[in-house]
Amino acid sequence: MIETMEGVEKHVVRTLAEAVSVLIGENFDAFAVEGATALALEQATNARQHFPSLKITCLLSERPAEESATAAEQQNIGRFQSRLSWARKVCRLAG
């Protein structure tokens, strides 16, 4: 999805600590977290604590549990469910 947007600079990181480090060192308008639903929402919530005014979005592999969805809503974290399963995304990236 992000690859199709013109004029968008992206940084790919593997851990939340690495993401926080990049966000501190750069000037970003938004932060997108992609991954397994529970983990992505947890990482987005943790990022919110460090960056209260940053636009944060989760690209989720499946519908979140009600408790997680409510917490994300309270933290003003956008949620989008991907049509591809997480396994398919990994296979597509590897292949």
N, C-alpha and C. Protein backbone atom coordinates (compact mmCIF):
# COMPACT_ATOMS: atom_id res chain seq x y z
N MET A 1 0.82 -1.18 0.00
CA MET A 1 0.00 0.00 0.00
C MET A 1 0.87 1.26 0.00
N ILE A 2 1.82 1.32 0.89
CA ILE A 2 2.67 2.51 0.99
C ILE A 2 3.54 2.65 -0.24
N GLU A 3 3.93 1.52 -0.83
CA GLU A 3 4.79 1.56 -2.01
C GLU A 3 4.12 2.28 -3.18
N THR A 4 2.81 2.33 -3.21
CA THR A 4 2.09 2.95 -4.33
C THR A 4 1.94 4.45 -4.17
N MET A 5 2.28 5.01 -3.04
CA MET A 5 2.12 6.44 -2.79
C MET A 5 3.37 7.19 -3.23
N GLU A 6 3.16 8.20 -4.07
CA GLU A 6 4.29 9.00 -4.54
C GLU A 6 4.69 10.01 -3.46
N GLY A 7 5.97 10.28 -3.39
CA GLY A 7 6.47 11.29 -2.46
C GLY A 7 6.49 10.86 -1.00
N VAL A 8 6.34 9.57 -0.76
CA VAL A 8 6.35 9.07 0.61
C VAL A 8 7.69 8.41 0.88
N GLU A 9 8.38 8.92 1.89
CA GLU A 9 9.64 8.30 2.30
C GLU A 9 9.34 7.32 3.41
N LYS A 10 9.92 6.14 3.33
CA LYS A 10 9.65 5.15 4.37
C LYS A 10 10.96 4.58 4.90
N HIS A 11 10.90 4.15 6.15
CA HIS A 11 12.00 3.45 6.80
C HIS A 11 11.41 2.15 7.33
N VAL A 12 12.02 1.03 6.99
CA VAL A 12 11.56 -0.27 7.47
C VAL A 12 12.43 -0.66 8.66
N VAL A 13 11.79 -0.99 9.77
CA VAL A 13 12.50 -1.41 10.98
C VAL A 13 11.92 -2.73 11.45
N ARG A 14 12.66 -3.43 12.25
CA ARG A 14 12.24 -4.77 12.71
C ARG A 14 11.75 -4.79 14.15
N THR A 15 12.16 -3.82 14.95
CA THR A 15 11.78 -3.83 16.37
C THR A 15 11.22 -2.47 16.77
N LEU A 16 10.48 -2.46 17.86
CA LEU A 16 9.94 -1.20 18.37
C LEU A 16 11.07 -0.28 18.81
N ALA A 17 12.11 -0.82 19.43
CA ALA A 17 13.24 0.01 19.86
C ALA A 17 13.89 0.70 18.66
N GLU A 18 14.04 -0.03 17.58
CA GLU A 18 14.62 0.55 16.36
C GLU A 18 13.69 1.63 15.80
N ALA A 19 12.39 1.39 15.84
CA ALA A 19 11.42 2.37 15.36
C ALA A 19 11.49 3.66 16.17
N VAL A 20 11.55 3.53 17.48
CA VAL A 20 11.63 4.71 18.35
C VAL A 20 12.91 5.49 18.05
N SER A 21 14.01 4.78 17.86
CA SER A 21 15.28 5.43 17.54
C SER A 21 15.19 6.22 16.24
N VAL A 22 14.59 5.63 15.21
CA VAL A 22 14.44 6.31 13.92
C VAL A 22 13.51 7.51 14.05
N LEU A 23 12.40 7.33 14.77
CA LEU A 23 11.44 8.42 14.94
C LEU A 23 12.05 9.60 15.70
N ILE A 24 12.89 9.33 16.67
CA ILE A 24 13.54 10.40 17.43
C ILE A 24 14.53 11.16 16.53
N GLY A 25 15.24 10.44 15.70
CA GLY A 25 16.27 11.04 14.87
C GLY A 25 15.77 11.72 13.61
N GLU A 26 14.54 11.53 13.24
CA GLU A 26 13.99 12.07 12.00
C GLU A 26 12.73 12.88 12.30
N ASN A 27 12.21 13.53 11.28
CA ASN A 27 10.96 14.27 11.41
C ASN A 27 9.91 13.56 10.56
N PHE A 28 9.03 12.80 11.20
CA PHE A 28 8.02 12.02 10.49
C PHE A 28 6.63 12.57 10.75
N ASP A 29 5.75 12.39 9.77
CA ASP A 29 4.36 12.81 9.91
C ASP A 29 3.48 11.68 10.42
N ALA A 30 3.91 10.43 10.21
CA ALA A 30 3.07 9.29 10.58
C ALA A 30 3.94 8.06 10.84
N PHE A 31 3.32 7.08 11.51
CA PHE A 31 3.99 5.83 11.85
C PHE A 31 3.00 4.71 11.57
N ALA A 32 3.39 3.75 10.74
CA ALA A 32 2.53 2.61 10.42
C ALA A 32 3.18 1.34 10.95
N VAL A 33 2.38 0.54 11.64
CA VAL A 33 2.84 -0.73 12.19
C VAL A 33 2.11 -1.84 11.46
N GLU A 34 2.86 -2.81 10.95
CA GLU A 34 2.24 -3.93 10.25
C GLU A 34 2.72 -5.22 10.89
N GLY A 35 1.80 -6.14 11.09
CA GLY A 35 2.18 -7.42 11.66
C GLY A 35 1.00 -8.16 12.24
N ALA A 36 1.32 -9.18 13.02
CA ALA A 36 0.27 -9.93 13.71
C ALA A 36 -0.53 -8.95 14.56
N THR A 37 -1.83 -9.10 14.56
CA THR A 37 -2.74 -8.11 15.13
C THR A 37 -2.40 -7.71 16.56
N ALA A 38 -2.30 -8.66 17.47
CA ALA A 38 -2.06 -8.33 18.88
C ALA A 38 -0.72 -7.61 19.05
N LEU A 39 0.32 -8.10 18.39
CA LEU A 39 1.64 -7.48 18.51
C LEU A 39 1.66 -6.09 17.90
N ALA A 40 1.06 -5.93 16.73
CA ALA A 40 1.03 -4.61 16.07
C ALA A 40 0.32 -3.58 16.94
N LEU A 41 -0.81 -3.96 17.52
CA LEU A 41 -1.54 -3.03 18.38
C LEU A 41 -0.75 -2.70 19.65
N GLU A 42 -0.07 -3.68 20.20
CA GLU A 42 0.76 -3.43 21.39
C GLU A 42 1.89 -2.46 21.06
N GLN A 43 2.55 -2.67 19.92
CA GLN A 43 3.65 -1.80 19.54
C GLN A 43 3.16 -0.39 19.23
N ALA A 44 2.00 -0.29 18.59
CA ALA A 44 1.43 1.03 18.30
C ALA A 44 1.10 1.77 19.59
N THR A 45 0.55 1.06 20.56
CA THR A 45 0.22 1.66 21.85
C THR A 45 1.49 2.12 22.57
N ASN A 46 2.54 1.32 22.51
CA ASN A 46 3.82 1.72 23.11
C ASN A 46 4.41 2.94 22.41
N ALA A 47 4.31 2.97 21.08
CA ALA A 47 4.81 4.13 20.33
C ALA A 47 4.03 5.38 20.70
N ARG A 48 2.73 5.23 20.94
CA ARG A 48 1.90 6.38 21.32
C ARG A 48 2.42 7.02 22.61
N GLN A 49 2.90 6.22 23.54
CA GLN A 49 3.43 6.74 24.80
C GLN A 49 4.65 7.64 24.57
N HIS A 50 5.45 7.31 23.57
CA HIS A 50 6.65 8.09 23.27
C HIS A 50 6.35 9.30 22.39
N PHE A 51 5.32 9.17 21.54
CA PHE A 51 5.00 10.20 20.55
C PHE A 51 3.50 10.51 20.57
N PRO A 52 3.04 11.29 21.54
CA PRO A 52 1.60 11.51 21.72
C PRO A 52 0.91 12.22 20.56
N SER A 53 1.63 13.02 19.77
CA SER A 53 0.96 13.75 18.69
C SER A 53 1.15 13.11 17.32
N LEU A 54 1.92 12.04 17.22
CA LEU A 54 2.19 11.38 15.95
C LEU A 54 0.97 10.61 15.45
N LYS A 55 0.70 10.69 14.15
CA LYS A 55 -0.37 9.88 13.56
C LYS A 55 0.13 8.44 13.50
N ILE A 56 -0.62 7.52 14.09
CA ILE A 56 -0.21 6.12 14.15
C ILE A 56 -1.32 5.26 13.55
N THR A 57 -0.92 4.33 12.69
CA THR A 57 -1.86 3.43 12.03
C THR A 57 -1.33 2.01 12.10
N CYS A 58 -2.25 1.06 12.28
CA CYS A 58 -1.90 -0.36 12.26
C CYS A 58 -2.49 -1.00 11.02
N LEU A 59 -1.66 -1.75 10.31
CA LEU A 59 -2.13 -2.58 9.19
C LEU A 59 -2.21 -3.99 9.74
N LEU A 60 -3.41 -4.45 9.98
CA LEU A 60 -3.63 -5.69 10.73
C LEU A 60 -3.92 -6.87 9.81
N SER A 61 -3.49 -8.05 10.25
CA SER A 61 -3.71 -9.27 9.48
C SER A 61 -5.08 -9.87 9.76
N GLU A 62 -5.68 -9.51 10.88
CA GLU A 62 -7.00 -10.05 11.22
C GLU A 62 -7.72 -9.07 12.12
N ARG A 63 -8.99 -9.29 12.33
CA ARG A 63 -9.79 -8.41 13.17
C ARG A 63 -9.30 -8.49 14.62
N PRO A 64 -9.08 -7.33 15.26
CA PRO A 64 -8.58 -7.36 16.64
C PRO A 64 -9.66 -7.76 17.63
N ALA A 65 -9.22 -8.27 18.77
CA ALA A 65 -10.14 -8.56 19.87
C ALA A 65 -10.78 -7.24 20.30
N GLU A 66 -11.97 -7.33 20.85
CA GLU A 66 -12.71 -6.11 21.23
C GLU A 66 -11.92 -5.23 22.19
N GLU A 67 -11.27 -5.86 23.16
CA GLU A 67 -10.47 -5.11 24.14
C GLU A 67 -9.33 -4.36 23.46
N SER A 68 -8.66 -5.01 22.52
CA SER A 68 -7.55 -4.37 21.80
C SER A 68 -8.06 -3.24 20.92
N ALA A 69 -9.19 -3.46 20.26
CA ALA A 69 -9.77 -2.44 19.39
C ALA A 69 -10.17 -1.21 20.21
N THR A 70 -10.74 -1.44 21.38
CA THR A 70 -11.14 -0.34 22.26
C THR A 70 -9.92 0.45 22.73
N ALA A 71 -8.87 -0.26 23.12
CA ALA A 71 -7.64 0.40 23.57
C ALA A 71 -7.03 1.23 22.44
N ALA A 72 -7.02 0.69 21.23
CA ALA A 72 -6.48 1.42 20.09
C ALA A 72 -7.30 2.67 19.80
N GLU A 73 -8.60 2.54 19.90
CA GLU A 73 -9.48 3.69 19.68
C GLU A 73 -9.22 4.78 20.72
N GLN A 74 -9.06 4.38 21.97
CA GLN A 74 -8.78 5.35 23.04
C GLN A 74 -7.44 6.04 22.84
N GLN A 75 -6.49 5.34 22.23
CA GLN A 75 -5.16 5.89 21.97
C GLN A 75 -5.09 6.65 20.64
N ASN A 76 -6.22 6.74 19.94
CA ASN A 76 -6.29 7.40 18.63
C ASN A 76 -5.35 6.74 17.62
N ILE A 77 -5.42 5.41 17.56
CA ILE A 77 -4.60 4.62 16.64
C ILE A 77 -5.52 4.09 15.55
N GLY A 78 -5.23 4.46 14.31
CA GLY A 78 -6.02 3.97 13.18
C GLY A 78 -5.78 2.50 12.95
N ARG A 79 -6.80 1.80 12.46
CA ARG A 79 -6.67 0.37 12.21
C ARG A 79 -7.23 0.04 10.83
N PHE A 80 -6.45 -0.68 10.04
CA PHE A 80 -6.88 -1.15 8.74
C PHE A 80 -6.59 -2.64 8.66
N GLN A 81 -7.57 -3.39 8.24
CA GLN A 81 -7.37 -4.83 8.10
C GLN A 81 -6.96 -5.13 6.67
N SER A 82 -5.85 -5.84 6.53
CA SER A 82 -5.33 -6.21 5.21
C SER A 82 -6.09 -7.41 4.68
N ARG A 83 -6.24 -7.46 3.38
CA ARG A 83 -6.91 -8.61 2.76
C ARG A 83 -6.03 -9.84 2.74
N LEU A 84 -4.73 -9.64 2.75
CA LEU A 84 -3.81 -10.78 2.75
C LEU A 84 -3.53 -11.23 4.17
N SER A 85 -3.45 -12.53 4.36
CA SER A 85 -3.08 -13.04 5.68
C SER A 85 -1.61 -12.72 5.93
N TRP A 86 -1.22 -12.71 7.19
CA TRP A 86 0.17 -12.43 7.54
C TRP A 86 1.10 -13.43 6.86
N ALA A 87 0.74 -14.71 6.83
CA ALA A 87 1.58 -15.73 6.20
C ALA A 87 1.76 -15.44 4.71
N ARG A 88 0.70 -15.02 4.05
CA ARG A 88 0.81 -14.70 2.62
C ARG A 88 1.71 -13.49 2.40
N LYS A 89 1.62 -12.51 3.27
CA LYS A 89 2.50 -11.34 3.15
C LYS A 89 3.96 -11.76 3.27
N VAL A 90 4.25 -12.61 4.26
CA VAL A 90 5.62 -13.07 4.46
C VAL A 90 6.10 -13.84 3.24
N CYS A 91 5.25 -14.73 2.72
CA CYS A 91 5.62 -15.50 1.52
C CYS A 91 5.85 -14.58 0.33
N ARG A 92 5.01 -13.59 0.19
CA ARG A 92 5.15 -12.65 -0.92
C ARG A 92 6.45 -11.86 -0.79
N LEU A 93 6.81 -11.45 0.42
CA LEU A 93 8.07 -10.73 0.63
C LEU A 93 9.27 -11.63 0.36
N ALA A 94 9.17 -12.88 0.78
CA ALA A 94 10.29 -13.81 0.62
C ALA A 94 10.44 -14.29 -0.82
N GLY A 95 9.34 -14.33 -1.53
CA GLY A 95 9.33 -14.93 -2.85
C GLY A 95 9.68 -14.04 -3.94
